[in-house]
Amino acid sequence: MAALVLMPACQTVATNNAEIAASKKQNLLAQAGFKFITVTTPKQQQAVSQLAQGRVSAVKYNGKLYYVFPTTKKDQIFVGRQKQYNAYKQALAAQQGQQQMAGTPVFTTETAGPNHVEVEQFQGFGPMGTEAMGNW
């Protein structure tokens, strides 16, 4: 009986830890210069739902490379270019270094993977809202 009572509590802790980790990652992305875009149409939602959860994905659109991170609800995304992704990777490495110095070993790595995801079109974003971001 006690195990049944503790199971939902463990799931809540795991969910909260995942949300905290996602929030920290989103803060790093914003600090690195990633732009925040709201997903508004069903076609956009479908495209975003295909992205990996909890990590940055490399996405090609019209021959240009973008890095995209969906929020946990997948109703918003963070979008950056190579410069922003490099800044994010540096911030992530620095954060992990601080955790290791504090005695908390961290073995997490972030990678967009060796194969870029080909995306034909994110409807309504232009090329995922990039005209609103200026010329990077």
N, C-alpha and C. Protein backbone atom coordinates (compact mmCIF):
# COMPACT_ATOMS: atom_id res chain seq x y z
N MET A 1 0.82 -1.19 0.00
CA MET A 1 0.00 0.00 0.00
C MET A 1 0.87 1.26 0.00
N ALA A 2 1.95 1.23 0.78
CA ALA A 2 2.84 2.39 0.86
C ALA A 2 3.47 2.65 -0.50
N ALA A 3 3.80 1.59 -1.23
CA ALA A 3 4.40 1.76 -2.56
C ALA A 3 3.44 2.46 -3.51
N LEU A 4 2.16 2.14 -3.42
CA LEU A 4 1.17 2.80 -4.28
C LEU A 4 1.05 4.28 -3.97
N VAL A 5 1.20 4.64 -2.70
CA VAL A 5 1.13 6.04 -2.30
C VAL A 5 2.37 6.79 -2.77
N LEU A 6 3.53 6.16 -2.73
CA LEU A 6 4.78 6.81 -3.11
C LEU A 6 4.96 6.94 -4.61
N MET A 7 4.36 6.05 -5.39
CA MET A 7 4.55 6.09 -6.85
C MET A 7 4.13 7.42 -7.46
N PRO A 8 2.95 7.95 -7.16
CA PRO A 8 2.59 9.25 -7.73
C PRO A 8 3.54 10.36 -7.27
N ALA A 9 4.02 10.28 -6.04
CA ALA A 9 4.95 11.29 -5.54
C ALA A 9 6.26 11.23 -6.32
N CYS A 10 6.75 10.04 -6.63
CA CYS A 10 7.97 9.89 -7.42
C CYS A 10 7.78 10.44 -8.82
N GLN A 11 6.60 10.18 -9.40
CA GLN A 11 6.32 10.69 -10.74
C GLN A 11 6.27 12.22 -10.73
N THR A 12 5.71 12.80 -9.66
CA THR A 12 5.64 14.25 -9.53
C THR A 12 7.03 14.83 -9.43
N VAL A 13 7.90 14.21 -8.63
CA VAL A 13 9.27 14.68 -8.49
C VAL A 13 9.99 14.59 -9.83
N ALA A 14 9.82 13.48 -10.54
CA ALA A 14 10.46 13.32 -11.85
C ALA A 14 9.96 14.37 -12.82
N THR A 15 8.66 14.63 -12.82
CA THR A 15 8.08 15.65 -13.69
C THR A 15 8.62 17.03 -13.33
N ASN A 16 8.67 17.34 -12.03
CA ASN A 16 9.19 18.63 -11.59
C ASN A 16 10.65 18.79 -11.97
N ASN A 17 11.46 17.73 -11.79
CA ASN A 17 12.88 17.79 -12.17
C ASN A 17 13.03 18.03 -13.67
N ALA A 18 12.19 17.37 -14.47
CA ALA A 18 12.25 17.56 -15.93
C ALA A 18 11.87 18.99 -16.30
N GLU A 19 10.86 19.54 -15.62
CA GLU A 19 10.44 20.92 -15.89
C GLU A 19 11.51 21.91 -15.47
N ILE A 20 12.18 21.66 -14.35
CA ILE A 20 13.26 22.53 -13.89
C ILE A 20 14.42 22.49 -14.88
N ALA A 21 14.77 21.28 -15.34
CA ALA A 21 15.85 21.14 -16.32
C ALA A 21 15.50 21.87 -17.62
N ALA A 22 14.26 21.73 -18.07
CA ALA A 22 13.82 22.41 -19.29
C ALA A 22 13.85 23.92 -19.11
N SER A 23 13.44 24.38 -17.94
CA SER A 23 13.45 25.82 -17.66
C SER A 23 14.87 26.37 -17.67
N LYS A 24 15.81 25.64 -17.08
CA LYS A 24 17.22 26.05 -17.09
C LYS A 24 17.75 26.10 -18.52
N LYS A 25 17.39 25.09 -19.30
CA LYS A 25 17.84 25.04 -20.69
C LYS A 25 17.26 26.21 -21.48
N GLN A 26 15.98 26.51 -21.25
CA GLN A 26 15.35 27.63 -21.95
C GLN A 26 16.01 28.95 -21.57
N ASN A 27 16.40 29.10 -20.31
CA ASN A 27 17.11 30.31 -19.88
C ASN A 27 18.45 30.43 -20.60
N LEU A 28 19.18 29.32 -20.71
CA LEU A 28 20.46 29.33 -21.42
C LEU A 28 20.26 29.70 -22.89
N LEU A 29 19.21 29.14 -23.51
CA LEU A 29 18.93 29.44 -24.91
C LEU A 29 18.62 30.92 -25.10
N ALA A 30 17.80 31.49 -24.22
CA ALA A 30 17.45 32.90 -24.31
C ALA A 30 18.69 33.77 -24.12
N GLN A 31 19.54 33.42 -23.16
CA GLN A 31 20.76 34.18 -22.93
C GLN A 31 21.71 34.10 -24.12
N ALA A 32 21.67 32.98 -24.83
CA ALA A 32 22.53 32.80 -26.00
C ALA A 32 22.01 33.53 -27.23
N GLY A 33 20.80 34.10 -27.14
CA GLY A 33 20.26 34.87 -28.26
C GLY A 33 19.20 34.15 -29.08
N PHE A 34 18.77 32.97 -28.64
CA PHE A 34 17.69 32.29 -29.34
C PHE A 34 16.42 33.13 -29.23
N LYS A 35 15.61 33.13 -30.29
CA LYS A 35 14.36 33.87 -30.31
C LYS A 35 13.22 32.93 -29.94
N PHE A 36 12.24 33.47 -29.28
CA PHE A 36 11.09 32.73 -28.78
C PHE A 36 9.92 32.95 -29.73
N ILE A 37 9.36 31.87 -30.27
CA ILE A 37 8.27 31.97 -31.24
C ILE A 37 7.11 31.09 -30.78
N THR A 38 5.89 31.62 -30.89
CA THR A 38 4.69 30.88 -30.51
C THR A 38 4.18 30.07 -31.70
N VAL A 39 3.84 28.83 -31.45
CA VAL A 39 3.28 27.94 -32.47
C VAL A 39 1.78 28.21 -32.51
N THR A 40 1.26 28.58 -33.69
CA THR A 40 -0.14 29.02 -33.75
C THR A 40 -1.05 28.16 -34.62
N THR A 41 -0.55 27.56 -35.68
CA THR A 41 -1.42 26.82 -36.59
C THR A 41 -1.25 25.31 -36.42
N PRO A 42 -2.25 24.53 -36.84
CA PRO A 42 -2.12 23.07 -36.77
C PRO A 42 -0.91 22.55 -37.56
N LYS A 43 -0.60 23.17 -38.69
CA LYS A 43 0.54 22.72 -39.49
C LYS A 43 1.85 22.96 -38.74
N GLN A 44 1.95 24.10 -38.06
CA GLN A 44 3.12 24.38 -37.24
C GLN A 44 3.21 23.38 -36.09
N GLN A 45 2.08 23.12 -35.45
CA GLN A 45 2.05 22.18 -34.33
C GLN A 45 2.50 20.79 -34.77
N GLN A 46 2.09 20.39 -35.96
CA GLN A 46 2.49 19.08 -36.48
C GLN A 46 4.00 19.04 -36.71
N ALA A 47 4.55 20.09 -37.30
CA ALA A 47 5.99 20.14 -37.56
C ALA A 47 6.78 20.14 -36.25
N VAL A 48 6.35 20.93 -35.28
CA VAL A 48 7.04 21.02 -34.00
C VAL A 48 6.92 19.71 -33.22
N SER A 49 5.81 19.02 -33.34
CA SER A 49 5.63 17.76 -32.61
C SER A 49 6.61 16.69 -33.08
N GLN A 50 7.19 16.85 -34.26
CA GLN A 50 8.15 15.88 -34.78
C GLN A 50 9.57 16.14 -34.26
N LEU A 51 9.78 17.27 -33.59
CA LEU A 51 11.10 17.59 -33.05
C LEU A 51 11.36 16.82 -31.76
N ALA A 52 12.62 16.52 -31.50
CA ALA A 52 12.99 15.81 -30.29
C ALA A 52 12.66 16.65 -29.06
N GLN A 53 12.11 16.02 -28.05
CA GLN A 53 11.75 16.70 -26.81
C GLN A 53 12.98 16.84 -25.92
N GLY A 54 13.17 18.01 -25.34
CA GLY A 54 14.24 18.21 -24.37
C GLY A 54 15.61 18.45 -24.93
N ARG A 55 15.73 18.63 -26.24
CA ARG A 55 17.04 18.90 -26.85
C ARG A 55 16.88 19.80 -28.06
N VAL A 56 17.97 20.40 -28.43
CA VAL A 56 18.00 21.28 -29.59
C VAL A 56 18.15 20.42 -30.84
N SER A 57 17.32 20.69 -31.85
CA SER A 57 17.40 19.97 -33.12
C SER A 57 17.90 20.90 -34.20
N ALA A 58 18.74 20.36 -35.07
CA ALA A 58 19.20 21.10 -36.24
C ALA A 58 18.15 20.94 -37.33
N VAL A 59 17.72 22.07 -37.90
CA VAL A 59 16.66 22.06 -38.90
C VAL A 59 17.10 22.89 -40.10
N LYS A 60 16.96 22.33 -41.28
CA LYS A 60 17.24 23.10 -42.49
C LYS A 60 15.93 23.62 -43.06
N TYR A 61 15.95 24.89 -43.45
CA TYR A 61 14.79 25.49 -44.08
C TYR A 61 15.29 26.42 -45.18
N ASN A 62 14.83 26.20 -46.40
CA ASN A 62 15.26 26.98 -47.56
C ASN A 62 16.78 27.06 -47.66
N GLY A 63 17.45 25.95 -47.39
CA GLY A 63 18.90 25.89 -47.52
C GLY A 63 19.67 26.51 -46.37
N LYS A 64 18.98 27.03 -45.36
CA LYS A 64 19.65 27.63 -44.20
C LYS A 64 19.46 26.74 -42.99
N LEU A 65 20.48 26.71 -42.14
CA LEU A 65 20.47 25.87 -40.95
C LEU A 65 20.00 26.69 -39.75
N TYR A 66 19.03 26.14 -39.02
CA TYR A 66 18.51 26.74 -37.80
C TYR A 66 18.58 25.69 -36.70
N TYR A 67 18.60 26.15 -35.47
CA TYR A 67 18.55 25.26 -34.32
C TYR A 67 17.26 25.57 -33.57
N VAL A 68 16.48 24.52 -33.28
CA VAL A 68 15.14 24.69 -32.73
C VAL A 68 14.99 23.84 -31.47
N PHE A 69 14.41 24.46 -30.44
CA PHE A 69 14.13 23.77 -29.18
C PHE A 69 12.67 23.99 -28.84
N PRO A 70 11.85 22.92 -28.84
CA PRO A 70 10.43 23.07 -28.47
C PRO A 70 10.27 23.09 -26.95
N THR A 71 9.32 23.89 -26.46
CA THR A 71 9.01 23.87 -25.04
C THR A 71 8.33 22.55 -24.71
N THR A 72 8.17 22.26 -23.43
CA THR A 72 7.60 20.96 -23.03
C THR A 72 6.18 20.77 -23.56
N LYS A 73 5.41 21.84 -23.68
CA LYS A 73 4.06 21.74 -24.21
C LYS A 73 4.05 21.78 -25.74
N LYS A 74 5.20 22.08 -26.34
CA LYS A 74 5.36 22.19 -27.79
C LYS A 74 4.42 23.23 -28.40
N ASP A 75 4.10 24.26 -27.61
CA ASP A 75 3.28 25.35 -28.12
C ASP A 75 4.13 26.58 -28.45
N GLN A 76 5.41 26.49 -28.11
CA GLN A 76 6.37 27.56 -28.41
C GLN A 76 7.71 26.91 -28.70
N ILE A 77 8.54 27.63 -29.45
CA ILE A 77 9.88 27.12 -29.76
C ILE A 77 10.90 28.24 -29.59
N PHE A 78 12.14 27.83 -29.38
CA PHE A 78 13.27 28.73 -29.41
C PHE A 78 14.00 28.45 -30.72
N VAL A 79 14.35 29.51 -31.46
CA VAL A 79 15.01 29.35 -32.75
C VAL A 79 16.29 30.18 -32.76
N GLY A 80 17.38 29.56 -33.20
CA GLY A 80 18.65 30.26 -33.31
C GLY A 80 19.41 29.81 -34.53
N ARG A 81 20.47 30.52 -34.83
CA ARG A 81 21.38 30.16 -35.93
C ARG A 81 22.67 29.61 -35.31
N GLN A 82 23.69 29.42 -36.11
CA GLN A 82 24.94 28.81 -35.64
C GLN A 82 25.57 29.63 -34.51
N LYS A 83 25.57 30.94 -34.64
CA LYS A 83 26.18 31.81 -33.62
C LYS A 83 25.49 31.61 -32.26
N GLN A 84 24.18 31.59 -32.25
CA GLN A 84 23.44 31.42 -31.01
C GLN A 84 23.64 30.00 -30.45
N TYR A 85 23.69 29.01 -31.34
CA TYR A 85 23.89 27.63 -30.89
C TYR A 85 25.27 27.48 -30.25
N ASN A 86 26.30 28.09 -30.86
CA ASN A 86 27.64 28.02 -30.29
C ASN A 86 27.68 28.68 -28.91
N ALA A 87 27.01 29.82 -28.76
CA ALA A 87 26.96 30.51 -27.46
C ALA A 87 26.23 29.64 -26.43
N TYR A 88 25.18 28.98 -26.85
CA TYR A 88 24.43 28.07 -25.97
C TYR A 88 25.31 26.92 -25.51
N LYS A 89 26.05 26.31 -26.45
CA LYS A 89 26.93 25.19 -26.11
C LYS A 89 28.00 25.62 -25.10
N GLN A 90 28.54 26.83 -25.27
CA GLN A 90 29.54 27.34 -24.32
C GLN A 90 28.91 27.54 -22.94
N ALA A 91 27.72 28.12 -22.90
CA ALA A 91 27.04 28.35 -21.62
C ALA A 91 26.70 27.03 -20.95
N LEU A 92 26.28 26.05 -21.73
CA LEU A 92 25.95 24.73 -21.19
C LEU A 92 27.20 24.06 -20.61
N ALA A 93 28.33 24.15 -21.33
CA ALA A 93 29.58 23.57 -20.84
C ALA A 93 30.03 24.27 -19.56
N ALA A 94 29.89 25.59 -19.50
CA ALA A 94 30.28 26.33 -18.30
C ALA A 94 29.40 25.93 -17.12
N GLN A 95 28.11 25.78 -17.36
CA GLN A 95 27.19 25.38 -16.29
C GLN A 95 27.54 23.99 -15.78
N GLN A 96 27.84 23.08 -16.69
CA GLN A 96 28.20 21.72 -16.29
C GLN A 96 29.52 21.71 -15.53
N GLY A 97 30.45 22.58 -15.93
CA GLY A 97 31.73 22.69 -15.22
C GLY A 97 31.53 23.17 -13.80
N GLN A 98 30.62 24.12 -13.61
CA GLN A 98 30.32 24.62 -12.27
C GLN A 98 29.70 23.53 -11.42
N GLN A 99 28.84 22.72 -12.01
CA GLN A 99 28.21 21.64 -11.26
C GLN A 99 29.25 20.60 -10.85
N GLN A 100 30.20 20.31 -11.74
CA GLN A 100 31.24 19.34 -11.43
C GLN A 100 32.15 19.86 -10.33
N MET A 101 32.45 21.16 -10.36
CA MET A 101 33.30 21.74 -9.32
C MET A 101 32.59 21.71 -7.97
N ALA A 102 31.28 21.76 -7.98
CA ALA A 102 30.50 21.71 -6.75
C ALA A 102 30.34 20.28 -6.24
N GLY A 103 30.92 19.32 -6.96
CA GLY A 103 30.85 17.93 -6.52
C GLY A 103 29.70 17.15 -7.09
N THR A 104 28.98 17.73 -8.04
CA THR A 104 27.86 17.03 -8.68
C THR A 104 28.30 16.63 -10.08
N PRO A 105 28.66 15.36 -10.30
CA PRO A 105 29.09 14.96 -11.63
C PRO A 105 27.95 15.06 -12.64
N VAL A 106 28.28 15.55 -13.81
CA VAL A 106 27.29 15.72 -14.86
C VAL A 106 27.84 15.08 -16.13
N PHE A 107 27.07 14.18 -16.71
CA PHE A 107 27.51 13.50 -17.91
C PHE A 107 26.60 13.80 -19.09
N THR A 108 25.79 14.84 -18.97
CA THR A 108 24.84 15.20 -20.01
C THR A 108 25.55 15.98 -21.10
N THR A 109 25.28 15.63 -22.34
CA THR A 109 25.79 16.42 -23.46
C THR A 109 24.60 16.86 -24.29
N GLU A 110 24.80 17.92 -25.01
CA GLU A 110 23.75 18.45 -25.89
C GLU A 110 24.30 18.42 -27.30
N THR A 111 23.58 17.83 -28.18
CA THR A 111 24.01 17.79 -29.56
C THR A 111 22.79 17.85 -30.46
N ALA A 112 22.95 18.49 -31.58
CA ALA A 112 21.86 18.54 -32.55
C ALA A 112 21.92 17.34 -33.47
N GLY A 113 22.88 16.47 -33.26
CA GLY A 113 22.96 15.23 -34.04
C GLY A 113 23.72 15.40 -35.33
N PRO A 114 24.21 14.30 -35.87
CA PRO A 114 25.00 14.36 -37.09
C PRO A 114 24.15 14.58 -38.34
N ASN A 115 22.88 14.24 -38.29
CA ASN A 115 22.02 14.38 -39.46
C ASN A 115 21.01 15.49 -39.20
N HIS A 116 21.01 16.50 -40.07
CA HIS A 116 20.07 17.60 -39.90
C HIS A 116 18.69 17.17 -40.36
N VAL A 117 17.68 17.68 -39.70
CA VAL A 117 16.31 17.38 -40.04
C VAL A 117 15.90 18.30 -41.19
N GLU A 118 15.40 17.74 -42.26
CA GLU A 118 14.93 18.54 -43.39
C GLU A 118 13.49 18.95 -43.16
N VAL A 119 13.22 20.22 -43.23
CA VAL A 119 11.88 20.73 -43.04
C VAL A 119 11.50 21.50 -44.29
N GLU A 120 10.37 21.13 -44.87
CA GLU A 120 9.95 21.82 -46.08
C GLU A 120 9.41 23.20 -45.77
N GLN A 121 8.54 23.30 -44.77
CA GLN A 121 7.95 24.60 -44.47
C GLN A 121 7.27 24.59 -43.12
N PHE A 122 7.55 25.62 -42.32
CA PHE A 122 6.81 25.88 -41.10
C PHE A 122 5.82 26.97 -41.45
N GLN A 123 4.57 26.62 -41.70
CA GLN A 123 3.56 27.59 -42.11
C GLN A 123 3.39 28.69 -41.07
N GLY A 124 3.40 29.93 -41.52
CA GLY A 124 3.12 31.06 -40.64
C GLY A 124 4.33 31.59 -39.93
N PHE A 125 5.43 30.85 -39.89
CA PHE A 125 6.63 31.35 -39.26
C PHE A 125 7.49 32.10 -40.27
N GLY A 126 7.08 32.13 -41.54
CA GLY A 126 8.05 32.44 -42.58
C GLY A 126 9.02 31.29 -42.44
N PRO A 127 10.28 31.53 -42.57
CA PRO A 127 11.20 30.44 -42.24
C PRO A 127 11.36 30.40 -40.72
N MET A 128 10.32 29.93 -40.05
CA MET A 128 10.22 29.81 -38.59
C MET A 128 10.36 31.17 -37.91
N GLY A 129 9.82 32.20 -38.51
CA GLY A 129 9.81 33.51 -37.89
C GLY A 129 11.10 34.28 -38.06
N THR A 130 11.96 33.84 -38.96
CA THR A 130 13.28 34.45 -39.05
C THR A 130 13.26 35.88 -39.56
N GLU A 131 12.23 36.28 -40.32
CA GLU A 131 12.23 37.68 -40.77
C GLU A 131 12.06 38.62 -39.59
N ALA A 132 11.44 38.16 -38.54
CA ALA A 132 11.28 39.00 -37.34
C ALA A 132 12.56 39.06 -36.53
N MET A 133 13.49 38.17 -36.79
CA MET A 133 14.74 38.11 -36.03
C MET A 133 15.83 38.98 -36.63
N GLY A 134 15.64 39.51 -37.80
CA GLY A 134 16.67 40.31 -38.43
C GLY A 134 17.64 39.44 -39.21
N ASN A 135 18.67 40.03 -39.72
CA ASN A 135 19.65 39.31 -40.53
C ASN A 135 20.79 38.87 -39.64
N TRP A 136 20.85 37.57 -39.33
CA TRP A 136 21.90 37.04 -38.48
C TRP A 136 23.08 36.73 -39.34
